[in-house]
Amino acid sequence: MLTPPEAAPSQRFRSGFTIFCGAVLLFGFGFLILTSLFFSPIHGVRSPERALSLLSGRTMEFRNALPTAPNWERAFYRFWDPVLGSEREVEDLVDWHRELARVAQDTTAAAAILILQAEQGRLEEVRSQTDRWVEYSPGNLPHLSRLIQVAYLQAGSPEEPEEQLALTRELLPSGWLRNRLEERIARKAGLPDPIAGARQEESERGLRLLWRYRALTLLDLFTLFLCATAAFLFFTRRRLLWKAGPASLPPRWDWGTGMTVVIRGLGLGILLGLAVAFMLELPDWADAVLTYLFWTLPLVILARRHLFLPQGLRLRQELGLLPPAGSWKKLLVLVGVACGADELGSWAIFLAGTFFRWPYHWAESFEENLIWAGPLTAGATVASLAFIAPFFEELIFRGFLYGTLRRECPGPRPPERRRSSSPWRTATASRASPRSCGVGGCWPGSTRGAGVSSARWRCTPSATSSSP
């Protein structure tokens, strides 16, 4: 039986420095776990009050514009996004404002809770809370509570409405919440509508949000259609898709060298990232672009020095970063299948989270640079989130870490090829043609595959026949 060649000989490293980098890596993982368990995601937003106020206003404006859509469209949205336009959406806003009021001691967030509840008709809860705040709360909460009582709970015309409107503008920032309070007070007092222009802007903005949501939904559906087509090609023409790139699996380096490089590279990346964060004041656009470069640069340098150069290999070729000629069609099909699986998986997780009411936090997906920053910072953020971060993440995990793990963990075998009718022809082909390493096996027909471990990896039947 033919066996693939052994991996390159293991290199020797100083264990003390590797242990130090491993300790740094464990510290980084522990810090991430502790912060996710004991700290609110609000702390990761620089202006949480402003951000949540904007999010609440746009959400309510979209809810007001949603009834203008046809019935069939709203029925589809209820299937596509069960939270959209439901009471759950407002409950999430109330919970997030309650958390902000507790964490940041923000009186505006506390008042926003009551305004949202009052707009949904939950007046008994509003009455009970405002009565307590009027008597026992410090700061501006008693004044805000009286304004909410006048706007939603008090019968008849309010006294001194002009002063109350002025106090509303003083205590609350501009936006949807303040507009609702001003509108209610002015309507009860019989005054001219003070927010007629603002209401028109809200209506137009809500319609623009509705059309934007329609465009994004159509884009999602079109993506699913393309990915379904790619999946059909994948399952009906699997013969063309076994090899879309030249990467060797498992890699040509050994287990010990690979894990040492990964531990050292990630540990040094953490130290370099922390040093840059505390010692340099980078502008927002540079910080968005260079963050992932600082974290991953040590690993790439060490991998090039210890994994590729000693064997005369090129990083882009060995990791399959540059597809060979004639494989772009296969690559596009595989990318389509992966995107479709990601889209369907994300939608399934969202539906499951909605059904089981798994917690979701707005601050985890809120990117301030995309909303308030200038064009340069916004463009750099988009490039970082859409291209730079995914590239380096896949380079680290699938290129180095998973590739090294494949040296010790056997994967699935490729499908068996049809045996040749002539044993002599099969054996001759086995000796004459070079082997290619794919997902869990080797077979004739390519120049790749020099780094497969003979201890755990076997060849397919067409490459394993013994000579006569």
Protein backbone atom coordinates (compact mmCIF):
# COMPACT_ATOMS: atom_id res chain seq x y z
CA MET A 1 0.00 0.00 0.00
CA LEU A 2 1.30 3.44 -0.91
CA THR A 3 1.52 5.86 2.00
CA PRO A 4 1.84 9.65 1.83
CA PRO A 5 5.18 11.13 2.87
CA GLU A 6 5.83 12.21 6.39
CA ALA A 7 5.55 15.81 7.52
CA ALA A 8 8.60 18.03 7.81
CA PRO A 9 10.77 17.36 10.86
CA SER A 10 9.77 19.18 14.01
CA GLN A 11 11.61 22.36 14.95
CA ARG A 12 12.90 23.08 18.43
CA PHE A 13 11.66 26.11 20.38
CA ARG A 14 12.40 27.47 23.81
CA SER A 15 9.59 26.21 26.02
CA GLY A 16 9.80 29.12 28.48
CA PHE A 17 8.76 31.73 25.94
CA THR A 18 6.03 29.46 24.58
CA ILE A 19 4.64 29.00 28.10
CA PHE A 20 4.70 32.78 28.62
CA CYS A 21 2.77 33.37 25.37
CA GLY A 22 0.31 30.63 26.35
CA ALA A 23 -0.28 32.36 29.70
CA VAL A 24 -0.94 35.66 27.89
CA LEU A 25 -3.35 33.85 25.58
CA LEU A 26 -5.22 32.28 28.51
CA PHE A 27 -5.39 35.66 30.22
CA GLY A 28 -6.91 37.19 27.10
CA PHE A 29 -9.53 34.44 26.81
CA GLY A 30 -10.35 34.74 30.51
CA PHE A 31 -10.72 38.49 30.26
CA LEU A 32 -13.14 38.15 27.34
CA ILE A 33 -15.21 35.57 29.23
CA LEU A 34 -15.35 37.65 32.41
CA THR A 35 -16.33 40.83 30.59
CA SER A 36 -19.09 39.04 28.70
CA LEU A 37 -20.45 37.51 31.91
CA PHE A 38 -20.20 40.39 34.38
CA PHE A 39 -20.20 43.59 32.31
CA SER A 40 -23.01 45.04 30.23
CA PRO A 41 -22.40 45.51 26.49
CA ILE A 42 -23.45 49.12 27.07
CA HIS A 43 -19.92 49.82 28.31
CA GLY A 44 -18.64 49.17 24.78
CA VAL A 45 -20.64 52.10 23.37
CA ARG A 46 -19.15 55.56 23.80
CA SER A 47 -22.52 57.40 23.89
CA PRO A 48 -25.13 54.82 24.93
CA GLU A 49 -27.77 57.42 25.81
CA ARG A 50 -27.59 59.05 22.40
CA ALA A 51 -27.36 55.70 20.62
CA LEU A 52 -30.37 54.12 22.33
CA SER A 53 -32.43 57.28 21.88
CA LEU A 54 -31.71 57.17 18.15
CA LEU A 55 -32.49 53.46 17.97
CA SER A 56 -35.81 53.92 19.80
CA GLY A 57 -36.85 56.82 17.60
CA ARG A 58 -36.09 55.05 14.34
CA THR A 59 -37.81 51.89 15.54
CA MET A 60 -41.02 53.73 16.43
CA GLU A 61 -40.95 55.71 13.17
CA PHE A 62 -40.66 52.47 11.23
CA ARG A 63 -43.55 50.96 13.22
CA ASN A 64 -45.71 53.96 12.32
CA ALA A 65 -44.86 53.55 8.62
CA LEU A 66 -45.39 49.78 8.54
CA PRO A 67 -49.24 49.94 8.36
CA THR A 68 -48.94 51.71 4.99
CA ALA A 69 -47.61 48.46 3.47
CA PRO A 70 -50.10 46.05 1.81
CA ASN A 71 -51.57 43.25 3.89
CA TRP A 72 -49.69 40.51 2.02
CA GLU A 73 -46.40 42.32 2.63
CA ARG A 74 -47.03 42.65 6.35
CA ALA A 75 -47.99 38.97 6.48
CA PHE A 76 -44.69 38.05 4.83
CA TYR A 77 -42.78 40.22 7.31
CA ARG A 78 -44.49 38.43 10.19
CA PHE A 79 -43.06 35.19 8.79
CA TRP A 80 -39.67 36.61 7.86
CA ASP A 81 -39.17 38.62 11.08
CA PRO A 82 -41.72 37.78 13.80
CA VAL A 83 -40.44 40.56 16.08
CA LEU A 84 -40.97 43.30 13.49
CA GLY A 85 -43.94 45.49 14.45
CA SER A 86 -44.88 43.27 17.41
CA GLU A 87 -45.23 44.08 21.09
CA ARG A 88 -41.99 42.20 21.69
CA GLU A 89 -40.19 44.98 19.84
CA VAL A 90 -41.40 47.62 22.28
CA GLU A 91 -40.75 45.35 25.25
CA ASP A 92 -37.12 45.03 24.13
CA LEU A 93 -36.82 48.82 23.95
CA VAL A 94 -38.26 49.14 27.45
CA ASP A 95 -35.84 46.53 28.81
CA TRP A 96 -32.85 48.22 27.17
CA HIS A 97 -33.82 51.63 28.56
CA ARG A 98 -34.30 50.06 31.98
CA GLU A 99 -30.80 48.59 31.82
CA LEU A 100 -29.35 51.93 30.69
CA ALA A 101 -31.10 53.75 33.53
CA ARG A 102 -29.63 51.26 36.00
CA VAL A 103 -26.09 51.09 34.60
CA ALA A 104 -25.58 54.74 33.57
CA GLN A 105 -27.97 56.36 36.10
CA ASP A 106 -29.64 58.15 33.18
CA THR A 107 -32.90 59.95 33.99
CA THR A 108 -33.74 60.34 30.30
CA ALA A 109 -33.74 56.55 29.88
CA ALA A 110 -36.02 56.23 32.92
CA ALA A 111 -38.47 58.71 31.40
CA ALA A 112 -38.26 56.91 28.03
CA ILE A 113 -39.52 53.73 29.71
CA LEU A 114 -42.74 55.45 30.82
CA ILE A 115 -43.27 57.23 27.49
CA LEU A 116 -42.95 53.96 25.56
CA GLN A 117 -45.31 52.19 27.96
CA ALA A 118 -47.81 55.05 27.79
CA GLU A 119 -47.77 55.03 23.98
CA GLN A 120 -48.65 51.33 24.14
CA GLY A 121 -51.59 52.02 26.46
CA ARG A 122 -50.08 50.55 29.64
CA LEU A 123 -51.29 53.48 31.73
CA GLU A 124 -51.64 51.65 35.05
CA GLU A 125 -47.95 50.78 35.06
CA VAL A 126 -47.15 54.38 34.16
CA ARG A 127 -49.38 55.73 36.93
CA SER A 128 -47.83 53.49 39.58
CA GLN A 129 -44.26 54.39 38.58
CA THR A 130 -44.82 58.15 38.27
CA ASP A 131 -46.47 58.31 41.68
CA ARG A 132 -43.37 56.76 43.25
CA TRP A 133 -40.98 58.99 41.32
CA VAL A 134 -42.81 62.20 42.21
CA GLU A 135 -42.47 61.46 45.91
CA TYR A 136 -39.12 59.72 46.31
CA SER A 137 -36.86 60.23 43.28
CA PRO A 138 -34.02 62.78 43.23
CA GLY A 139 -32.87 65.02 40.40
CA ASN A 140 -35.07 65.63 37.36
CA LEU A 141 -37.19 62.51 37.71
CA PRO A 142 -39.98 64.23 39.71
CA HIS A 143 -40.28 66.94 37.03
CA LEU A 144 -40.31 64.39 34.22
CA SER A 145 -42.87 62.32 36.11
CA ARG A 146 -45.21 65.30 36.41
CA LEU A 147 -44.86 66.04 32.71
CA ILE A 148 -45.73 62.43 31.86
CA GLN A 149 -48.73 62.57 34.20
CA VAL A 150 -49.95 65.74 32.50
CA ALA A 151 -49.47 64.29 29.02
CA TYR A 152 -50.99 60.83 29.54
CA LEU A 153 -52.85 60.56 32.86
CA GLN A 154 -54.36 63.92 33.78
CA ALA A 155 -57.86 64.66 32.59
CA GLY A 156 -58.72 68.10 31.26
CA SER A 157 -56.54 70.97 30.15
CA PRO A 158 -53.17 71.29 31.92
CA GLU A 159 -52.22 74.43 33.82
CA GLU A 160 -49.51 76.66 32.37
CA PRO A 161 -48.92 74.51 29.28
CA GLU A 162 -46.35 76.92 27.83
CA GLU A 163 -44.09 76.45 30.85
CA GLN A 164 -44.55 72.70 30.70
CA LEU A 165 -43.59 72.63 27.02
CA ALA A 166 -40.50 74.71 27.79
CA LEU A 167 -39.58 72.35 30.65
CA THR A 168 -40.00 69.37 28.31
CA ARG A 169 -37.56 70.90 25.82
CA GLU A 170 -35.13 71.59 28.64
CA LEU A 171 -35.15 68.14 30.24
CA LEU A 172 -35.35 65.86 27.18
CA PRO A 173 -33.11 65.78 24.10
CA SER A 174 -34.67 66.28 20.70
CA GLY A 175 -36.14 63.19 19.14
CA TRP A 176 -39.14 60.94 18.97
CA LEU A 177 -39.66 60.71 22.76
CA ARG A 178 -39.71 64.46 23.33
CA ASN A 179 -41.96 64.99 20.33
CA ARG A 180 -44.56 62.63 21.75
CA LEU A 181 -44.57 64.44 25.10
CA GLU A 182 -44.87 67.88 23.47
CA GLU A 183 -47.61 66.66 21.17
CA ARG A 184 -49.71 65.27 24.04
CA ILE A 185 -49.36 68.35 26.24
CA ALA A 186 -50.19 70.77 23.40
CA ARG A 187 -53.19 68.73 22.30
CA LYS A 188 -54.65 68.67 25.81
CA ALA A 189 -54.12 72.42 26.21
CA GLY A 190 -55.67 73.20 22.82
CA LEU A 191 -52.50 74.89 21.58
CA PRO A 192 -51.25 74.87 17.99
CA ASP A 193 -49.29 71.76 17.17
CA PRO A 194 -45.68 72.56 18.15
CA ILE A 195 -44.18 69.62 16.24
CA ALA A 196 -46.08 69.72 12.93
CA GLY A 197 -42.84 69.99 10.99
CA ALA A 198 -41.13 67.33 13.12
CA ARG A 199 -44.08 64.96 12.61
CA GLN A 200 -43.82 65.37 8.86
CA GLU A 201 -40.11 64.60 9.04
CA GLU A 202 -40.82 61.50 11.14
CA SER A 203 -43.39 60.30 8.61
CA GLU A 204 -41.02 60.78 5.66
CA ARG A 205 -38.17 59.16 7.55
CA GLY A 206 -40.36 56.18 8.45
CA LEU A 207 -41.30 55.68 4.79
CA ARG A 208 -37.64 55.82 3.79
CA LEU A 209 -36.84 53.20 6.43
CA LEU A 210 -39.66 51.00 5.07
CA TRP A 211 -38.30 51.20 1.53
CA ARG A 212 -34.82 50.50 2.81
CA TYR A 213 -36.09 47.44 4.65
CA ARG A 214 -37.84 46.29 1.47
CA ALA A 215 -34.60 46.62 -0.50
CA LEU A 216 -32.62 44.67 2.11
CA THR A 217 -35.27 41.94 2.22
CA LEU A 218 -35.20 41.59 -1.57
CA LEU A 219 -31.42 41.42 -1.44
CA ASP A 220 -31.62 38.63 1.15
CA LEU A 221 -34.12 36.69 -0.96
CA PHE A 222 -32.03 37.15 -4.10
CA THR A 223 -28.96 35.95 -2.21
CA LEU A 224 -30.86 32.87 -1.05
CA PHE A 225 -31.94 32.18 -4.64
CA LEU A 226 -28.36 32.39 -5.92
CA CYS A 227 -27.15 30.22 -3.06
CA ALA A 228 -29.87 27.65 -3.74
CA THR A 229 -28.68 27.53 -7.35
CA ALA A 230 -25.10 27.07 -6.15
CA ALA A 231 -26.20 24.31 -3.79
CA PHE A 232 -28.00 22.58 -6.68
CA LEU A 233 -24.81 22.69 -8.74
CA PHE A 234 -22.81 21.47 -5.76
CA PHE A 235 -24.96 18.39 -5.17
CA THR A 236 -25.52 17.53 -8.83
CA ARG A 237 -21.96 18.08 -10.08
CA ARG A 238 -19.85 17.04 -7.13
CA ARG A 239 -17.22 15.59 -9.44
CA LEU A 240 -16.14 19.13 -10.36
CA LEU A 241 -16.00 20.45 -6.83
CA TRP A 242 -13.61 18.25 -4.91
CA LYS A 243 -10.65 20.49 -5.52
CA ALA A 244 -11.09 24.26 -5.95
CA GLY A 245 -7.69 25.30 -4.61
CA PRO A 246 -4.14 24.09 -4.07
CA ALA A 247 -4.08 24.04 -0.24
CA SER A 248 -2.75 20.88 1.39
CA LEU A 249 -4.85 19.19 4.07
CA PRO A 250 -3.43 18.28 6.46
CA PRO A 251 -0.62 20.84 6.18
CA ARG A 252 3.02 20.06 5.54
CA TRP A 253 4.19 21.10 8.99
CA ASP A 254 4.03 18.86 12.03
CA TRP A 255 1.69 19.16 15.02
CA GLY A 256 4.23 20.48 17.54
CA THR A 257 5.63 23.19 15.29
CA GLY A 258 2.19 24.33 14.21
CA MET A 259 0.77 24.61 17.73
CA THR A 260 3.89 26.39 18.98
CA VAL A 261 3.61 28.97 16.22
CA VAL A 262 -0.11 29.48 16.89
CA ILE A 263 0.39 29.95 20.65
CA ARG A 264 3.34 32.29 20.22
CA GLY A 265 1.71 34.28 17.45
CA LEU A 266 -1.58 34.83 19.27
CA GLY A 267 0.14 35.66 22.55
CA LEU A 268 2.43 38.21 20.89
CA GLY A 269 -0.56 39.60 19.01
CA ILE A 270 -2.37 40.29 22.27
CA LEU A 271 0.71 42.05 23.71
CA LEU A 272 1.20 44.11 20.54
CA GLY A 273 -2.47 45.09 20.39
CA LEU A 274 -2.49 46.20 24.03
CA ALA A 275 0.74 48.16 23.59
CA VAL A 276 -0.62 50.01 20.56
CA ALA A 277 -3.95 50.70 22.29
CA PHE A 278 -2.33 52.24 25.38
CA MET A 279 0.68 53.97 23.82
CA LEU A 280 -0.65 55.36 20.53
CA GLU A 281 -3.54 57.73 19.90
CA LEU A 282 -4.76 56.59 16.52
CA PRO A 283 -7.58 58.33 14.63
CA ASP A 284 -10.80 56.37 14.35
CA TRP A 285 -10.26 55.37 10.71
CA ALA A 286 -6.73 54.10 11.41
CA ASP A 287 -7.88 52.27 14.53
CA ALA A 288 -10.62 50.52 12.54
CA VAL A 289 -8.20 49.32 9.87
CA LEU A 290 -5.06 48.58 11.89
CA THR A 291 -6.61 46.81 14.89
CA TYR A 292 -6.79 43.39 13.24
CA LEU A 293 -3.39 43.89 11.60
CA PHE A 294 -1.73 44.39 14.98
CA TRP A 295 -3.45 41.34 16.47
CA THR A 296 -2.53 38.99 13.62
CA LEU A 297 0.80 40.31 12.33
CA PRO A 298 3.01 38.31 14.76
CA LEU A 299 1.30 35.04 13.86
CA VAL A 300 1.67 35.63 10.12
CA ILE A 301 5.37 36.50 10.52
CA LEU A 302 6.08 33.45 12.68
CA ALA A 303 4.15 31.16 10.35
CA ARG A 304 6.06 32.41 7.34
CA ARG A 305 9.39 31.96 9.13
CA HIS A 306 8.86 28.56 10.77
CA LEU A 307 6.16 26.82 8.69
CA PHE A 308 6.67 27.91 5.09
CA LEU A 309 10.20 29.17 4.40
CA PRO A 310 12.01 26.09 5.82
CA GLN A 311 10.19 23.94 3.23
CA GLY A 312 10.42 26.42 0.38
CA LEU A 313 6.68 27.10 0.44
CA ARG A 314 4.72 30.27 -0.24
CA LEU A 315 2.05 31.35 2.21
CA ARG A 316 -0.52 32.37 -0.37
CA GLN A 317 -0.06 29.16 -2.33
CA GLU A 318 0.04 26.71 0.56
CA LEU A 319 -3.06 28.22 2.21
CA GLY A 320 -4.97 28.39 -1.07
CA LEU A 321 -5.25 32.20 -1.04
CA LEU A 322 -4.77 32.35 -4.81
CA PRO A 323 -6.98 29.87 -6.71
CA PRO A 324 -5.35 28.18 -9.69
CA ALA A 325 -6.42 28.89 -13.23
CA GLY A 326 -9.70 27.31 -14.20
CA SER A 327 -11.05 26.92 -10.67
CA TRP A 328 -12.88 30.22 -10.30
CA LYS A 329 -16.20 28.69 -11.31
CA LYS A 330 -15.84 26.00 -8.66
CA LEU A 331 -14.79 28.58 -6.11
CA LEU A 332 -17.81 30.80 -6.82
CA VAL A 333 -20.15 27.84 -6.45
CA LEU A 334 -18.59 26.87 -3.12
CA VAL A 335 -18.75 30.47 -1.89
CA GLY A 336 -22.42 30.58 -2.88
CA VAL A 337 -23.12 27.40 -0.94
CA ALA A 338 -21.31 28.79 2.11
CA CYS A 339 -23.17 32.12 1.93
CA GLY A 340 -26.49 30.34 1.59
CA ALA A 341 -25.74 28.12 4.56
CA ASP A 342 -24.76 31.19 6.58
CA GLU A 343 -27.93 33.07 5.60
CA LEU A 344 -30.22 30.14 6.36
CA GLY A 345 -28.38 29.38 9.58
CA SER A 346 -28.60 32.98 10.78
CA TRP A 347 -32.30 33.10 9.98
CA ALA A 348 -32.93 29.79 11.77
CA ILE A 349 -31.01 30.97 14.83
CA PHE A 350 -33.00 34.22 14.81
CA LEU A 351 -36.31 32.36 14.63
CA ALA A 352 -35.22 30.00 17.41
CA GLY A 353 -34.11 32.96 19.53
CA THR A 354 -37.47 34.63 18.97
CA PHE A 355 -39.39 31.49 19.88
CA PHE A 356 -37.35 30.68 22.99
CA ARG A 357 -36.83 34.37 23.86
CA TRP A 358 -33.06 34.13 23.93
CA PRO A 359 -31.49 37.39 25.07
CA TYR A 360 -30.36 39.81 22.42
CA HIS A 361 -28.64 43.13 23.13
CA TRP A 362 -28.66 46.14 20.84
CA ALA A 363 -25.16 47.29 21.83
CA GLU A 364 -23.57 44.08 20.49
CA SER A 365 -24.33 45.06 16.90
CA PHE A 366 -24.39 48.86 17.17
CA GLU A 367 -21.47 50.45 15.31
CA GLU A 368 -21.18 54.16 16.09
CA ASN A 369 -18.66 54.85 13.31
CA LEU A 370 -21.25 53.92 10.70
CA ILE A 371 -23.75 56.47 12.05
CA TRP A 372 -21.96 59.54 13.32
CA ALA A 373 -18.45 59.36 11.88
CA GLY A 374 -17.26 61.00 8.68
CA PRO A 375 -16.98 59.28 5.29
CA LEU A 376 -13.35 58.25 5.82
CA THR A 377 -13.97 56.59 9.19
CA ALA A 378 -17.23 55.00 7.99
CA GLY A 379 -15.50 53.58 4.91
CA ALA A 380 -12.62 52.26 6.99
CA THR A 381 -15.09 50.64 9.38
CA VAL A 382 -16.96 48.94 6.54
CA ALA A 383 -13.67 47.67 5.10
CA SER A 384 -12.62 46.38 8.51
CA LEU A 385 -15.91 44.63 9.29
CA ALA A 386 -16.59 43.21 5.83
CA PHE A 387 -13.12 42.33 4.53
CA ILE A 388 -10.17 42.77 6.89
CA ALA A 389 -11.58 41.10 10.01
CA PRO A 390 -13.08 38.05 8.20
CA PHE A 391 -9.91 37.53 6.18
CA PHE A 392 -7.57 37.49 9.17
CA GLU A 393 -10.02 35.48 11.25
CA GLU A 394 -10.17 32.75 8.62
CA LEU A 395 -6.41 32.97 8.13
CA ILE A 396 -5.80 32.33 11.84
CA PHE A 397 -8.41 29.68 12.53
CA ARG A 398 -8.85 27.77 9.27
CA GLY A 399 -5.39 28.43 7.91
CA PHE A 400 -3.19 27.83 10.95
CA LEU A 401 -5.17 26.47 13.91
CA TYR A 402 -7.60 24.11 12.16
CA GLY A 403 -4.93 23.08 9.68
CA THR A 404 -2.62 22.10 12.52
CA LEU A 405 -5.43 20.25 14.29
CA ARG A 406 -6.05 18.25 11.12
CA ARG A 407 -2.58 16.80 11.55
CA GLU A 408 -3.80 14.99 14.69
CA CYS A 409 -7.57 14.74 14.06
CA PRO A 410 -8.56 12.68 11.00
CA GLY A 411 -11.31 14.07 8.82
CA PRO A 412 -13.89 12.50 6.50
CA ARG A 413 -12.69 10.41 3.57
CA PRO A 414 -13.43 11.47 0.00
CA PRO A 415 -15.84 9.31 -2.05
CA GLU A 416 -14.38 6.18 -3.52
CA ARG A 417 -13.67 6.21 -7.19
CA ARG A 418 -14.69 3.43 -9.52
CA ARG A 419 -12.02 0.73 -9.66
CA SER A 420 -10.30 0.21 -12.93
CA SER A 421 -11.04 -3.03 -14.75
CA SER A 422 -7.29 -3.67 -15.03
CA PRO A 423 -5.31 -4.03 -11.78
CA TRP A 424 -2.09 -3.42 -13.70
CA ARG A 425 -3.45 -0.09 -15.06
CA THR A 426 -4.53 1.00 -11.59
CA ALA A 427 -1.17 0.16 -10.02
CA THR A 428 0.69 1.91 -12.82
CA ALA A 429 -1.41 5.05 -12.37
CA SER A 430 -0.74 4.94 -8.64
CA ARG A 431 3.01 5.02 -9.14
CA ALA A 432 3.09 7.42 -12.07
CA SER A 433 0.73 10.17 -11.01
CA PRO A 434 1.39 12.49 -8.07
CA ARG A 435 -1.12 12.64 -5.25
CA SER A 436 -3.43 15.43 -4.07
CA CYS A 437 -4.51 15.79 -0.47
CA GLY A 438 -8.07 16.85 0.12
CA VAL A 439 -10.54 16.53 2.93
CA GLY A 440 -9.28 13.41 4.64
CA GLY A 441 -7.54 11.53 1.84
CA CYS A 442 -5.29 11.47 -1.21
CA TRP A 443 -5.88 10.57 -4.82
CA PRO A 444 -4.04 10.79 -8.15
CA GLY A 445 -4.16 13.78 -10.39
CA SER A 446 -2.37 16.74 -8.81
CA THR A 447 1.06 17.86 -7.71
CA ARG A 448 -0.05 18.65 -4.15
CA GLY A 449 0.07 16.43 -1.11
CA ALA A 450 3.64 16.11 0.05
CA GLY A 451 2.82 16.71 3.70
CA VAL A 452 0.35 13.99 4.62
CA SER A 453 1.08 11.94 7.69
CA SER A 454 1.17 8.21 6.97
CA ALA A 455 0.05 7.37 10.49
CA ARG A 456 -3.49 8.69 10.16
CA TRP A 457 -4.22 9.36 6.51
CA ARG A 458 -5.05 6.71 3.97
CA CYS A 459 -5.40 6.83 0.24
CA THR A 460 -8.48 6.17 -1.81
CA PRO A 461 -8.77 2.76 -3.56
CA SER A 462 -7.63 4.13 -6.90
CA ALA A 463 -4.30 5.08 -5.33
CA THR A 464 -3.71 2.14 -3.01
CA SER A 465 -3.50 -0.90 -5.22
CA SER A 466 -0.24 -2.77 -4.85
CA SER A 467 1.91 -3.46 -7.86
CA PRO A 468 1.75 -6.94 -9.43
